Amino acid sequence: MLWISAFLVPGGFSYVEEIVLSGVKLVDRSLVRIVNLPRLAILWLDNTGIGDEGVHYLAALEPTLEELLLCDNPRITDAAIPTLSMLVAGSLRALNLRATGVGMPGIRALSKCIRDNDALVLVDIPEECEVYLHTLDTQYVVHPAAPLISDPRDVDALPTRALRINLQTHALQNTDISWQGTRRDLIDRLTTLLERRRDDFCARKAILGFEQEDDGL
């Protein structure tokens, strides 16, 4: 890794705006060498073997980084999402997370950041997450109609019978959903389901460009 140490030369490479390291095997701490480049806007780190620690170093590039390729790095997980959210809230306009270890919890969190910051960013997500977002009808009733509810804030007020009816109806789409248990169990289960539905809708709009859907709020 001696070549990458050249980026540490004081004042050296301050003009660099783009670095492509696709397929170059790196260790996470290697990225310390490049994160102080004052004009770096494009950084390709696909298939480099880096993980969450390496992504954390990239926070220093928040003022300038516009394009970041992290695909084909399975060691990058949901733990990297706080740093990536910081970049999205900054200058980032393109992010590739294909074939990483990022899952739907991370994609939901990233989507909220995109929404809350009104960010204009193109995000490529892992294939399994994209498939999930295109097949929400296998998870729950996507567009519940009365007497079903869609707002998780309304769950506590439902009588126990209505809680069971809601969960039973969602279970027609996903047999993993149970409508058995105490009233508290039913409230917690339906609240979690509707909150996940709301966050899935946010992800479909922010990541896949779906039109605004009724998220129950």
N, C-alpha and C. Protein backbone atom coordinates (compact mmCIF):
# COMPACT_ATOMS: atom_id res chain seq x y z
N MET A 1 0.81 -1.21 0.00
CA MET A 1 0.00 0.00 0.00
C MET A 1 0.85 1.27 0.00
N LEU A 2 2.13 1.15 -0.37
CA LEU A 2 2.99 2.33 -0.34
C LEU A 2 2.48 3.42 -1.28
N TRP A 3 1.91 3.00 -2.44
CA TRP A 3 1.46 4.00 -3.41
C TRP A 3 0.38 4.90 -2.85
N ILE A 4 -0.49 4.35 -2.00
CA ILE A 4 -1.58 5.17 -1.49
C ILE A 4 -1.10 6.16 -0.45
N SER A 5 0.09 5.90 0.12
CA SER A 5 0.66 6.84 1.08
C SER A 5 1.02 8.16 0.44
N ALA A 6 1.16 8.16 -0.89
CA ALA A 6 1.49 9.40 -1.58
C ALA A 6 0.45 10.48 -1.33
N PHE A 7 -0.78 10.08 -1.02
CA PHE A 7 -1.82 11.07 -0.76
C PHE A 7 -1.60 11.84 0.53
N LEU A 8 -0.64 11.37 1.34
CA LEU A 8 -0.36 12.06 2.60
C LEU A 8 0.65 13.19 2.45
N VAL A 9 1.26 13.31 1.28
CA VAL A 9 2.24 14.38 1.07
C VAL A 9 1.56 15.73 1.27
N PRO A 10 2.07 16.57 2.18
CA PRO A 10 1.43 17.86 2.45
C PRO A 10 1.23 18.68 1.17
N GLY A 11 0.00 19.06 0.91
CA GLY A 11 -0.30 19.87 -0.26
C GLY A 11 -0.34 19.08 -1.55
N GLY A 12 0.07 17.82 -1.50
CA GLY A 12 0.07 17.01 -2.71
C GLY A 12 -1.32 16.54 -3.07
N PHE A 13 -1.58 16.44 -4.35
CA PHE A 13 -2.84 15.89 -4.87
C PHE A 13 -4.07 16.70 -4.44
N SER A 14 -3.87 17.93 -4.04
CA SER A 14 -5.01 18.74 -3.61
C SER A 14 -5.96 19.04 -4.77
N TYR A 15 -5.49 18.80 -5.99
CA TYR A 15 -6.29 19.07 -7.18
C TYR A 15 -7.15 17.88 -7.58
N VAL A 16 -6.95 16.71 -6.96
CA VAL A 16 -7.62 15.48 -7.39
C VAL A 16 -9.12 15.55 -7.09
N GLU A 17 -9.93 15.28 -8.13
CA GLU A 17 -11.38 15.29 -7.97
C GLU A 17 -11.99 13.91 -8.12
N GLU A 18 -11.24 12.96 -8.67
CA GLU A 18 -11.79 11.63 -8.92
C GLU A 18 -10.73 10.57 -8.64
N ILE A 19 -11.12 9.53 -7.90
CA ILE A 19 -10.24 8.39 -7.64
C ILE A 19 -11.02 7.11 -7.93
N VAL A 20 -10.46 6.25 -8.76
CA VAL A 20 -11.07 4.96 -9.09
C VAL A 20 -10.16 3.85 -8.57
N LEU A 21 -10.65 3.10 -7.58
CA LEU A 21 -9.89 2.00 -6.99
C LEU A 21 -10.63 0.68 -7.17
N SER A 22 -11.46 0.58 -8.17
CA SER A 22 -12.27 -0.61 -8.42
C SER A 22 -11.39 -1.86 -8.48
N GLY A 23 -11.71 -2.85 -7.63
CA GLY A 23 -11.00 -4.12 -7.65
C GLY A 23 -9.66 -4.12 -6.94
N VAL A 24 -9.22 -2.98 -6.45
CA VAL A 24 -7.95 -2.90 -5.71
C VAL A 24 -8.23 -3.32 -4.27
N LYS A 25 -7.55 -4.35 -3.79
CA LYS A 25 -7.81 -4.84 -2.44
C LYS A 25 -7.21 -3.90 -1.41
N LEU A 26 -8.08 -3.41 -0.53
CA LEU A 26 -7.68 -2.44 0.48
C LEU A 26 -8.03 -2.96 1.87
N VAL A 27 -7.37 -2.41 2.86
CA VAL A 27 -7.81 -2.58 4.24
C VAL A 27 -8.51 -1.28 4.64
N ASP A 28 -9.37 -1.36 5.62
CA ASP A 28 -10.18 -0.20 5.97
C ASP A 28 -9.34 1.04 6.26
N ARG A 29 -8.26 0.86 6.99
CA ARG A 29 -7.47 2.03 7.40
C ARG A 29 -6.76 2.69 6.22
N SER A 30 -6.72 2.01 5.07
CA SER A 30 -6.12 2.63 3.88
C SER A 30 -6.83 3.92 3.51
N LEU A 31 -8.12 3.99 3.82
CA LEU A 31 -8.91 5.15 3.39
C LEU A 31 -8.55 6.42 4.15
N VAL A 32 -7.85 6.27 5.26
CA VAL A 32 -7.38 7.46 5.98
C VAL A 32 -6.49 8.31 5.07
N ARG A 33 -5.85 7.65 4.11
CA ARG A 33 -4.89 8.34 3.24
C ARG A 33 -5.55 9.29 2.25
N ILE A 34 -6.82 9.10 1.97
CA ILE A 34 -7.43 9.89 0.90
C ILE A 34 -8.55 10.81 1.35
N VAL A 35 -8.97 10.70 2.61
CA VAL A 35 -10.17 11.44 3.00
C VAL A 35 -9.93 12.93 3.24
N ASN A 36 -8.68 13.37 3.16
CA ASN A 36 -8.42 14.79 3.36
C ASN A 36 -8.19 15.55 2.05
N LEU A 37 -8.46 14.88 0.93
CA LEU A 37 -8.32 15.56 -0.35
C LEU A 37 -9.44 16.58 -0.50
N PRO A 38 -9.12 17.85 -0.63
CA PRO A 38 -10.14 18.91 -0.50
C PRO A 38 -11.12 19.02 -1.65
N ARG A 39 -10.81 18.39 -2.81
CA ARG A 39 -11.70 18.52 -3.97
C ARG A 39 -12.29 17.19 -4.42
N LEU A 40 -12.07 16.14 -3.67
CA LEU A 40 -12.50 14.82 -4.12
C LEU A 40 -14.02 14.74 -4.22
N ALA A 41 -14.51 14.48 -5.43
CA ALA A 41 -15.95 14.43 -5.69
C ALA A 41 -16.43 13.05 -6.11
N ILE A 42 -15.57 12.26 -6.72
CA ILE A 42 -15.95 10.95 -7.22
C ILE A 42 -14.99 9.91 -6.65
N LEU A 43 -15.55 8.87 -6.01
CA LEU A 43 -14.73 7.84 -5.39
C LEU A 43 -15.35 6.48 -5.66
N TRP A 44 -14.60 5.65 -6.39
CA TRP A 44 -15.05 4.29 -6.69
C TRP A 44 -14.26 3.32 -5.83
N LEU A 45 -14.97 2.62 -4.95
CA LEU A 45 -14.35 1.65 -4.04
C LEU A 45 -15.01 0.28 -4.18
N ASP A 46 -15.60 0.02 -5.34
CA ASP A 46 -16.27 -1.26 -5.55
C ASP A 46 -15.27 -2.41 -5.56
N ASN A 47 -15.68 -3.53 -4.93
CA ASN A 47 -14.89 -4.76 -4.89
C ASN A 47 -13.48 -4.52 -4.35
N THR A 48 -13.39 -3.75 -3.28
CA THR A 48 -12.09 -3.49 -2.65
C THR A 48 -11.91 -4.24 -1.34
N GLY A 49 -12.98 -4.83 -0.83
CA GLY A 49 -12.89 -5.59 0.41
C GLY A 49 -13.08 -4.77 1.67
N ILE A 50 -13.41 -3.49 1.53
CA ILE A 50 -13.57 -2.66 2.72
C ILE A 50 -14.87 -3.00 3.44
N GLY A 51 -14.93 -2.59 4.71
CA GLY A 51 -16.11 -2.83 5.52
C GLY A 51 -16.62 -1.56 6.15
N ASP A 52 -17.38 -1.72 7.22
CA ASP A 52 -18.01 -0.57 7.87
C ASP A 52 -16.99 0.44 8.38
N GLU A 53 -15.88 -0.05 8.93
CA GLU A 53 -14.86 0.87 9.44
C GLU A 53 -14.34 1.78 8.33
N GLY A 54 -14.11 1.20 7.17
CA GLY A 54 -13.62 2.00 6.05
C GLY A 54 -14.61 3.07 5.64
N VAL A 55 -15.90 2.72 5.65
CA VAL A 55 -16.92 3.70 5.29
C VAL A 55 -16.93 4.84 6.30
N HIS A 56 -16.74 4.54 7.57
CA HIS A 56 -16.76 5.59 8.60
C HIS A 56 -15.71 6.66 8.32
N TYR A 57 -14.56 6.27 7.78
CA TYR A 57 -13.52 7.25 7.47
C TYR A 57 -13.99 8.26 6.42
N LEU A 58 -14.94 7.84 5.59
CA LEU A 58 -15.37 8.69 4.48
C LEU A 58 -16.20 9.89 4.93
N ALA A 59 -16.57 9.92 6.20
CA ALA A 59 -17.36 11.05 6.70
C ALA A 59 -16.64 12.37 6.48
N ALA A 60 -15.31 12.34 6.46
CA ALA A 60 -14.53 13.56 6.26
C ALA A 60 -14.74 14.16 4.88
N LEU A 61 -15.28 13.36 3.94
CA LEU A 61 -15.49 13.84 2.57
C LEU A 61 -16.86 14.47 2.37
N GLU A 62 -17.63 14.59 3.43
CA GLU A 62 -19.01 15.09 3.33
C GLU A 62 -19.15 16.41 2.56
N PRO A 63 -18.22 17.36 2.67
CA PRO A 63 -18.43 18.63 1.97
C PRO A 63 -18.32 18.54 0.44
N THR A 64 -17.60 17.53 -0.07
CA THR A 64 -17.29 17.52 -1.51
C THR A 64 -17.76 16.28 -2.26
N LEU A 65 -17.92 15.15 -1.58
CA LEU A 65 -18.16 13.88 -2.28
C LEU A 65 -19.54 13.85 -2.92
N GLU A 66 -19.57 13.60 -4.23
CA GLU A 66 -20.83 13.57 -4.99
C GLU A 66 -21.19 12.18 -5.49
N GLU A 67 -20.21 11.34 -5.72
CA GLU A 67 -20.48 10.00 -6.26
C GLU A 67 -19.63 8.98 -5.52
N LEU A 68 -20.29 7.92 -5.00
CA LEU A 68 -19.59 6.91 -4.21
C LEU A 68 -20.06 5.52 -4.62
N LEU A 69 -19.14 4.71 -5.11
CA LEU A 69 -19.43 3.32 -5.46
C LEU A 69 -18.86 2.41 -4.38
N LEU A 70 -19.75 1.65 -3.73
CA LEU A 70 -19.35 0.71 -2.69
C LEU A 70 -19.80 -0.71 -3.00
N CYS A 71 -20.30 -0.94 -4.21
CA CYS A 71 -20.85 -2.24 -4.55
C CYS A 71 -19.81 -3.36 -4.47
N ASP A 72 -20.31 -4.59 -4.30
CA ASP A 72 -19.46 -5.79 -4.22
C ASP A 72 -18.52 -5.77 -3.03
N ASN A 73 -18.99 -5.21 -1.94
CA ASN A 73 -18.25 -5.22 -0.67
C ASN A 73 -19.18 -5.76 0.42
N PRO A 74 -19.26 -7.08 0.58
CA PRO A 74 -20.23 -7.66 1.51
C PRO A 74 -19.98 -7.34 2.98
N ARG A 75 -18.80 -6.82 3.31
CA ARG A 75 -18.52 -6.46 4.71
C ARG A 75 -19.15 -5.12 5.09
N ILE A 76 -19.69 -4.41 4.13
CA ILE A 76 -20.40 -3.17 4.44
C ILE A 76 -21.84 -3.53 4.82
N THR A 77 -22.25 -3.15 6.03
CA THR A 77 -23.55 -3.55 6.57
C THR A 77 -24.37 -2.33 6.99
N ASP A 78 -25.46 -2.60 7.67
CA ASP A 78 -26.30 -1.51 8.17
C ASP A 78 -25.56 -0.59 9.13
N ALA A 79 -24.47 -1.08 9.72
CA ALA A 79 -23.70 -0.24 10.65
C ALA A 79 -23.07 0.96 9.95
N ALA A 80 -22.96 0.90 8.63
CA ALA A 80 -22.37 2.01 7.87
C ALA A 80 -23.41 3.09 7.52
N ILE A 81 -24.67 2.82 7.77
CA ILE A 81 -25.73 3.74 7.33
C ILE A 81 -25.64 5.12 7.97
N PRO A 82 -25.30 5.26 9.25
CA PRO A 82 -25.18 6.63 9.80
C PRO A 82 -24.19 7.50 9.04
N THR A 83 -23.05 6.92 8.65
CA THR A 83 -22.07 7.69 7.87
C THR A 83 -22.61 7.99 6.48
N LEU A 84 -23.23 7.01 5.84
CA LEU A 84 -23.78 7.23 4.51
C LEU A 84 -24.91 8.26 4.55
N SER A 85 -25.67 8.26 5.61
CA SER A 85 -26.74 9.27 5.76
C SER A 85 -26.14 10.67 5.87
N MET A 86 -25.02 10.78 6.56
CA MET A 86 -24.34 12.07 6.67
C MET A 86 -23.90 12.55 5.30
N LEU A 87 -23.38 11.64 4.48
CA LEU A 87 -22.94 12.00 3.14
C LEU A 87 -24.13 12.41 2.26
N VAL A 88 -25.23 11.66 2.39
CA VAL A 88 -26.44 11.98 1.62
C VAL A 88 -26.98 13.36 2.00
N ALA A 89 -26.90 13.69 3.27
CA ALA A 89 -27.36 15.00 3.73
C ALA A 89 -26.41 16.12 3.30
N GLY A 90 -25.23 15.72 2.82
CA GLY A 90 -24.26 16.69 2.34
C GLY A 90 -24.30 16.85 0.84
N SER A 91 -23.21 16.41 0.17
CA SER A 91 -23.07 16.65 -1.27
C SER A 91 -23.41 15.44 -2.13
N LEU A 92 -23.56 14.27 -1.53
CA LEU A 92 -23.66 13.03 -2.31
C LEU A 92 -24.89 13.02 -3.21
N ARG A 93 -24.67 12.63 -4.48
CA ARG A 93 -25.76 12.57 -5.45
C ARG A 93 -25.90 11.20 -6.10
N ALA A 94 -24.93 10.30 -5.87
CA ALA A 94 -25.02 8.94 -6.41
C ALA A 94 -24.32 7.99 -5.45
N LEU A 95 -25.01 6.90 -5.10
CA LEU A 95 -24.49 5.93 -4.14
C LEU A 95 -24.86 4.54 -4.62
N ASN A 96 -23.86 3.66 -4.75
CA ASN A 96 -24.11 2.30 -5.20
C ASN A 96 -23.80 1.33 -4.06
N LEU A 97 -24.84 0.61 -3.61
CA LEU A 97 -24.70 -0.36 -2.53
C LEU A 97 -25.02 -1.77 -2.99
N ARG A 98 -24.99 -2.01 -4.29
CA ARG A 98 -25.26 -3.35 -4.82
C ARG A 98 -24.28 -4.36 -4.23
N ALA A 99 -24.79 -5.56 -3.93
CA ALA A 99 -23.96 -6.66 -3.44
C ALA A 99 -23.14 -6.28 -2.21
N THR A 100 -23.75 -5.49 -1.34
CA THR A 100 -23.18 -5.24 -0.01
C THR A 100 -24.01 -6.00 1.01
N GLY A 101 -23.63 -5.89 2.27
CA GLY A 101 -24.38 -6.55 3.34
C GLY A 101 -25.45 -5.68 3.95
N VAL A 102 -25.77 -4.57 3.31
CA VAL A 102 -26.83 -3.68 3.80
C VAL A 102 -28.19 -4.34 3.60
N GLY A 103 -29.02 -4.32 4.65
CA GLY A 103 -30.34 -4.93 4.58
C GLY A 103 -31.44 -3.89 4.64
N MET A 104 -32.67 -4.36 4.73
CA MET A 104 -33.81 -3.44 4.73
C MET A 104 -33.82 -2.48 5.92
N PRO A 105 -33.40 -2.87 7.12
CA PRO A 105 -33.34 -1.87 8.20
C PRO A 105 -32.46 -0.67 7.82
N GLY A 106 -31.33 -0.95 7.20
CA GLY A 106 -30.45 0.13 6.76
C GLY A 106 -31.05 0.95 5.64
N ILE A 107 -31.69 0.29 4.69
CA ILE A 107 -32.31 1.00 3.57
C ILE A 107 -33.44 1.90 4.07
N ARG A 108 -34.22 1.41 5.03
CA ARG A 108 -35.29 2.25 5.59
C ARG A 108 -34.71 3.50 6.26
N ALA A 109 -33.63 3.31 7.03
CA ALA A 109 -33.01 4.46 7.72
C ALA A 109 -32.45 5.46 6.71
N LEU A 110 -31.80 4.95 5.66
CA LEU A 110 -31.25 5.83 4.63
C LEU A 110 -32.36 6.59 3.91
N SER A 111 -33.46 5.91 3.67
CA SER A 111 -34.59 6.54 2.98
C SER A 111 -35.17 7.69 3.79
N LYS A 112 -35.25 7.51 5.10
CA LYS A 112 -35.74 8.60 5.97
C LYS A 112 -34.83 9.81 5.87
N CYS A 113 -33.52 9.57 5.81
CA CYS A 113 -32.58 10.68 5.67
C CYS A 113 -32.79 11.41 4.35
N ILE A 114 -32.99 10.65 3.27
CA ILE A 114 -33.24 11.26 1.96
C ILE A 114 -34.50 12.12 2.02
N ARG A 115 -35.54 11.58 2.63
CA ARG A 115 -36.81 12.32 2.74
C ARG A 115 -36.65 13.57 3.61
N ASP A 116 -36.04 13.40 4.77
CA ASP A 116 -35.96 14.51 5.73
C ASP A 116 -35.09 15.66 5.23
N ASN A 117 -34.11 15.33 4.36
CA ASN A 117 -33.22 16.36 3.83
C ASN A 117 -33.61 16.78 2.42
N ASP A 118 -34.72 16.21 1.92
CA ASP A 118 -35.15 16.51 0.56
C ASP A 118 -33.99 16.35 -0.42
N ALA A 119 -33.21 15.28 -0.21
CA ALA A 119 -31.99 15.06 -0.98
C ALA A 119 -32.30 14.51 -2.37
N LEU A 120 -31.56 14.96 -3.35
CA LEU A 120 -31.65 14.45 -4.71
C LEU A 120 -30.48 13.52 -4.94
N VAL A 121 -30.68 12.23 -4.67
CA VAL A 121 -29.60 11.26 -4.75
C VAL A 121 -30.12 9.98 -5.38
N LEU A 122 -29.31 9.42 -6.29
CA LEU A 122 -29.63 8.15 -6.94
C LEU A 122 -28.94 7.04 -6.16
N VAL A 123 -29.72 6.09 -5.64
CA VAL A 123 -29.17 5.01 -4.81
C VAL A 123 -29.47 3.67 -5.45
N ASP A 124 -28.43 2.88 -5.68
CA ASP A 124 -28.58 1.49 -6.11
C ASP A 124 -28.46 0.61 -4.87
N ILE A 125 -29.46 -0.22 -4.62
CA ILE A 125 -29.50 -1.01 -3.40
C ILE A 125 -29.29 -2.49 -3.71
N PRO A 126 -28.98 -3.31 -2.69
CA PRO A 126 -28.82 -4.74 -2.92
C PRO A 126 -30.07 -5.35 -3.57
N GLU A 127 -29.85 -6.34 -4.41
CA GLU A 127 -30.96 -6.92 -5.18
C GLU A 127 -32.07 -7.44 -4.29
N GLU A 128 -31.70 -8.08 -3.16
CA GLU A 128 -32.72 -8.64 -2.30
C GLU A 128 -33.61 -7.55 -1.68
N CYS A 129 -33.04 -6.38 -1.45
CA CYS A 129 -33.83 -5.27 -0.93
C CYS A 129 -34.77 -4.72 -2.01
N GLU A 130 -34.27 -4.66 -3.23
CA GLU A 130 -35.11 -4.18 -4.33
C GLU A 130 -36.27 -5.14 -4.57
N VAL A 131 -35.99 -6.45 -4.54
CA VAL A 131 -37.05 -7.44 -4.71
C VAL A 131 -38.09 -7.28 -3.60
N TYR A 132 -37.62 -7.11 -2.37
CA TYR A 132 -38.54 -6.92 -1.24
C TYR A 132 -39.47 -5.74 -1.49
N LEU A 133 -38.93 -4.62 -1.91
CA LEU A 133 -39.73 -3.41 -2.10
C LEU A 133 -40.72 -3.54 -3.25
N HIS A 134 -40.41 -4.42 -4.19
CA HIS A 134 -41.33 -4.65 -5.31
C HIS A 134 -42.39 -5.71 -4.99
N THR A 135 -42.24 -6.39 -3.86
CA THR A 135 -43.17 -7.49 -3.53
C THR A 135 -43.72 -7.31 -2.11
N LEU A 136 -44.09 -6.10 -1.77
CA LEU A 136 -44.63 -5.85 -0.44
C LEU A 136 -45.92 -6.61 -0.19
N ASP A 137 -46.60 -7.00 -1.27
CA ASP A 137 -47.86 -7.72 -1.09
C ASP A 137 -47.65 -9.13 -0.54
N THR A 138 -46.41 -9.57 -0.43
CA THR A 138 -46.14 -10.85 0.23
C THR A 138 -45.84 -10.66 1.71
N GLN A 139 -45.80 -9.42 2.16
CA GLN A 139 -45.46 -9.11 3.55
C GLN A 139 -46.68 -8.73 4.39
N TYR A 140 -47.64 -8.05 3.77
CA TYR A 140 -48.83 -7.54 4.46
C TYR A 140 -49.80 -7.00 3.42
N VAL A 141 -50.97 -6.57 3.86
CA VAL A 141 -51.92 -5.91 2.95
C VAL A 141 -51.35 -4.53 2.65
N VAL A 142 -51.01 -4.29 1.41
CA VAL A 142 -50.31 -3.06 1.05
C VAL A 142 -51.20 -1.84 1.22
N HIS A 143 -52.46 -1.94 0.79
CA HIS A 143 -53.38 -0.81 0.88
C HIS A 143 -54.63 -1.24 1.64
N PRO A 144 -54.54 -1.27 2.96
CA PRO A 144 -55.69 -1.72 3.76
C PRO A 144 -56.87 -0.77 3.67
N ALA A 145 -58.05 -1.34 3.51
CA ALA A 145 -59.28 -0.55 3.45
C ALA A 145 -60.10 -0.81 4.71
N ALA A 146 -60.98 0.11 5.05
CA ALA A 146 -61.83 -0.03 6.23
C ALA A 146 -62.57 -1.38 6.19
N PRO A 147 -62.64 -2.05 7.33
CA PRO A 147 -62.37 -1.57 8.69
C PRO A 147 -60.92 -1.69 9.14
N LEU A 148 -60.02 -2.07 8.24
CA LEU A 148 -58.61 -2.13 8.62
C LEU A 148 -58.07 -0.71 8.79
N ILE A 149 -57.03 -0.57 9.60
CA ILE A 149 -56.40 0.74 9.79
C ILE A 149 -55.03 0.73 9.12
N SER A 150 -54.51 1.93 8.86
CA SER A 150 -53.18 2.05 8.25
C SER A 150 -52.23 2.90 9.08
N ASP A 151 -52.77 3.66 10.02
CA ASP A 151 -51.94 4.55 10.83
C ASP A 151 -51.55 3.84 12.13
N PRO A 152 -50.25 3.62 12.36
CA PRO A 152 -49.83 2.93 13.59
C PRO A 152 -50.24 3.67 14.86
N ARG A 153 -50.50 4.95 14.76
CA ARG A 153 -50.89 5.72 15.94
C ARG A 153 -52.31 5.39 16.40
N ASP A 154 -53.08 4.71 15.55
CA ASP A 154 -54.46 4.37 15.88
C ASP A 154 -54.59 3.01 16.56
N VAL A 155 -53.50 2.28 16.65
CA VAL A 155 -53.58 0.88 17.09
C VAL A 155 -54.08 0.77 18.53
N ASP A 156 -53.55 1.57 19.43
CA ASP A 156 -53.90 1.44 20.85
C ASP A 156 -55.39 1.58 21.12
N ALA A 157 -56.07 2.34 20.29
CA ALA A 157 -57.50 2.61 20.52
C ALA A 157 -58.41 1.49 20.03
N LEU A 158 -57.88 0.54 19.30
CA LEU A 158 -58.71 -0.53 18.74
C LEU A 158 -59.14 -1.51 19.83
N PRO A 159 -60.38 -1.99 19.77
CA PRO A 159 -60.77 -3.10 20.65
C PRO A 159 -60.02 -4.36 20.24
N THR A 160 -59.94 -5.29 21.16
CA THR A 160 -59.16 -6.51 20.92
C THR A 160 -59.64 -7.26 19.68
N ARG A 161 -60.95 -7.32 19.49
CA ARG A 161 -61.48 -8.03 18.32
C ARG A 161 -60.99 -7.38 17.02
N ALA A 162 -60.96 -6.05 16.98
CA ALA A 162 -60.49 -5.36 15.78
C ALA A 162 -58.99 -5.58 15.55
N LEU A 163 -58.24 -5.67 16.63
CA LEU A 163 -56.81 -5.98 16.50
C LEU A 163 -56.63 -7.33 15.81
N ARG A 164 -57.40 -8.31 16.26
CA ARG A 164 -57.29 -9.65 15.67
C ARG A 164 -57.71 -9.63 14.20
N ILE A 165 -58.78 -8.91 13.88
CA ILE A 165 -59.24 -8.84 12.49
C ILE A 165 -58.17 -8.23 11.60
N ASN A 166 -57.55 -7.16 12.06
CA ASN A 166 -56.47 -6.54 11.29
C ASN A 166 -55.34 -7.53 11.04
N LEU A 167 -54.89 -8.19 12.09
CA LEU A 167 -53.76 -9.11 11.95
C LEU A 167 -54.14 -10.33 11.12
N GLN A 168 -55.35 -10.84 11.30
CA GLN A 168 -55.80 -11.98 10.50
C GLN A 168 -55.81 -11.64 9.02
N THR A 169 -56.24 -10.44 8.69
CA THR A 169 -56.30 -10.03 7.28
C THR A 169 -54.90 -9.90 6.70
N HIS A 170 -53.98 -9.32 7.45
CA HIS A 170 -52.60 -9.22 6.97
C HIS A 170 -51.99 -10.62 6.83
N ALA A 171 -52.40 -11.54 7.69
CA ALA A 171 -51.86 -12.90 7.64
C ALA A 171 -52.27 -13.64 6.38
N LEU A 172 -53.31 -13.18 5.71
CA LEU A 172 -53.68 -13.78 4.43
C LEU A 172 -52.60 -13.55 3.39
N GLN A 173 -51.83 -12.48 3.55
CA GLN A 173 -50.72 -12.18 2.65
C GLN A 173 -49.41 -12.80 3.14
N ASN A 174 -49.29 -12.96 4.45
CA ASN A 174 -48.03 -13.43 5.04
C ASN A 174 -48.37 -14.33 6.22
N THR A 175 -48.20 -15.63 6.03
CA THR A 175 -48.60 -16.59 7.05
C THR A 175 -47.72 -16.55 8.29
N ASP A 176 -46.63 -15.80 8.25
CA ASP A 176 -45.79 -15.65 9.44
C ASP A 176 -46.42 -14.72 10.48
N ILE A 177 -47.44 -13.98 10.08
CA ILE A 177 -48.10 -13.04 11.00
C ILE A 177 -49.09 -13.80 11.88
N SER A 178 -48.95 -13.63 13.18
CA SER A 178 -49.83 -14.30 14.14
C SER A 178 -50.85 -13.32 14.71
N TRP A 179 -52.05 -13.80 14.97
CA TRP A 179 -53.06 -12.99 15.63
C TRP A 179 -53.40 -13.55 17.01
N GLN A 180 -52.51 -14.41 17.53
CA GLN A 180 -52.69 -15.00 18.84
C GLN A 180 -51.92 -14.20 19.89
N GLY A 181 -52.32 -14.36 21.16
CA GLY A 181 -51.60 -13.72 22.25
C GLY A 181 -52.45 -12.75 23.03
N THR A 182 -51.80 -12.07 23.96
CA THR A 182 -52.50 -11.10 24.79
C THR A 182 -52.80 -9.83 23.99
N ARG A 183 -53.62 -8.99 24.56
CA ARG A 183 -53.92 -7.72 23.91
C ARG A 183 -52.64 -6.92 23.67
N ARG A 184 -51.74 -6.93 24.66
CA ARG A 184 -50.48 -6.22 24.50
C ARG A 184 -49.67 -6.78 23.34
N ASP A 185 -49.67 -8.11 23.22
CA ASP A 185 -48.98 -8.76 22.09
C ASP A 185 -49.55 -8.27 20.76
N LEU A 186 -50.87 -8.22 20.68
CA LEU A 186 -51.53 -7.82 19.43
C LEU A 186 -51.23 -6.37 19.09
N ILE A 187 -51.27 -5.51 20.10
CA ILE A 187 -50.96 -4.09 19.88
C ILE A 187 -49.54 -3.93 19.37
N ASP A 188 -48.60 -4.57 20.04
CA ASP A 188 -47.19 -4.45 19.63
C ASP A 188 -46.98 -4.98 18.22
N ARG A 189 -47.62 -6.11 17.92
CA ARG A 189 -47.42 -6.74 16.61
C ARG A 189 -47.99 -5.88 15.49
N LEU A 190 -49.19 -5.36 15.68
CA LEU A 190 -49.81 -4.55 14.62
C LEU A 190 -49.10 -3.21 14.48
N THR A 191 -48.69 -2.62 15.60
CA THR A 191 -47.95 -1.36 15.53
C THR A 191 -46.66 -1.54 14.75
N THR A 192 -45.92 -2.60 15.05
CA THR A 192 -44.66 -2.86 14.35
C THR A 192 -44.90 -3.06 12.86
N LEU A 193 -45.94 -3.80 12.52
CA LEU A 193 -46.26 -4.06 11.11
C LEU A 193 -46.58 -2.77 10.37
N LEU A 194 -47.41 -1.92 10.96
CA LEU A 194 -47.81 -0.69 10.28
C LEU A 194 -46.66 0.32 10.21
N GLU A 195 -45.80 0.33 11.21
CA GLU A 195 -44.62 1.20 11.15
C GLU A 195 -43.68 0.73 10.05
N ARG A 196 -43.54 -0.59 9.92
CA ARG A 196 -42.68 -1.12 8.85
C ARG A 196 -43.28 -0.78 7.48
N ARG A 197 -44.59 -0.92 7.35
CA ARG A 197 -45.26 -0.55 6.10
C ARG A 197 -45.00 0.91 5.75
N ARG A 198 -45.15 1.79 6.74
CA ARG A 198 -44.90 3.22 6.52
C ARG A 198 -43.47 3.46 6.04
N ASP A 199 -42.51 2.80 6.69
CA ASP A 199 -41.11 3.00 6.32
C ASP A 199 -40.78 2.36 4.98
N ASP A 200 -41.46 1.26 4.65
CA ASP A 200 -41.28 0.65 3.32
C ASP A 200 -41.77 1.59 2.23
N PHE A 201 -42.89 2.26 2.46
CA PHE A 201 -43.40 3.22 1.49
C PHE A 201 -42.41 4.37 1.30
N CYS A 202 -41.82 4.81 2.39
CA CYS A 202 -40.80 5.86 2.31
C CYS A 202 -39.63 5.40 1.44
N ALA A 203 -39.21 4.14 1.62
CA ALA A 203 -38.10 3.60 0.84
C ALA A 203 -38.47 3.47 -0.63
N ARG A 204 -39.70 3.03 -0.92
CA ARG A 204 -40.11 2.90 -2.32
C ARG A 204 -40.09 4.25 -3.03
N LYS A 205 -40.48 5.29 -2.34
CA LYS A 205 -40.48 6.61 -2.95
C LYS A 205 -39.06 7.16 -3.08
N ALA A 206 -38.27 7.07 -2.01
CA ALA A 206 -36.94 7.68 -2.00
C ALA A 206 -35.95 6.92 -2.87
N ILE A 207 -36.05 5.59 -2.88
CA ILE A 207 -35.05 4.78 -3.58
C ILE A 207 -35.51 4.38 -4.98
N LEU A 208 -36.75 3.96 -5.11
CA LEU A 208 -37.24 3.43 -6.38
C LEU A 208 -38.04 4.45 -7.19
N GLY A 209 -38.33 5.60 -6.59
CA GLY A 209 -39.02 6.64 -7.33
C GLY A 209 -40.51 6.44 -7.47
N PHE A 210 -41.10 5.60 -6.60
CA PHE A 210 -42.55 5.43 -6.63
C PHE A 210 -43.22 6.75 -6.33
N GLU A 211 -44.41 6.94 -6.89
CA GLU A 211 -45.21 8.10 -6.54
C GLU A 211 -45.60 8.02 -5.07
N GLN A 212 -45.94 9.16 -4.49
CA GLN A 212 -46.36 9.20 -3.09
C GLN A 212 -47.52 8.24 -2.87
N GLU A 213 -47.38 7.37 -1.86
CA GLU A 213 -48.43 6.41 -1.53
C GLU A 213 -49.05 6.79 -0.19
N ASP A 214 -50.24 6.28 0.05
CA ASP A 214 -50.89 6.51 1.33
C ASP A 214 -50.20 5.66 2.38
N ASP A 215 -49.38 6.32 3.21
CA ASP A 215 -48.66 5.57 4.23
C ASP A 215 -49.40 5.55 5.56
N GLY A 216 -50.62 6.04 5.54
CA GLY A 216 -51.43 5.98 6.74
C GLY A 216 -51.24 7.16 7.66
N LEU A 217 -50.41 8.12 7.27
CA LEU A 217 -50.15 9.28 8.14
C LEU A 217 -50.59 10.55 7.44
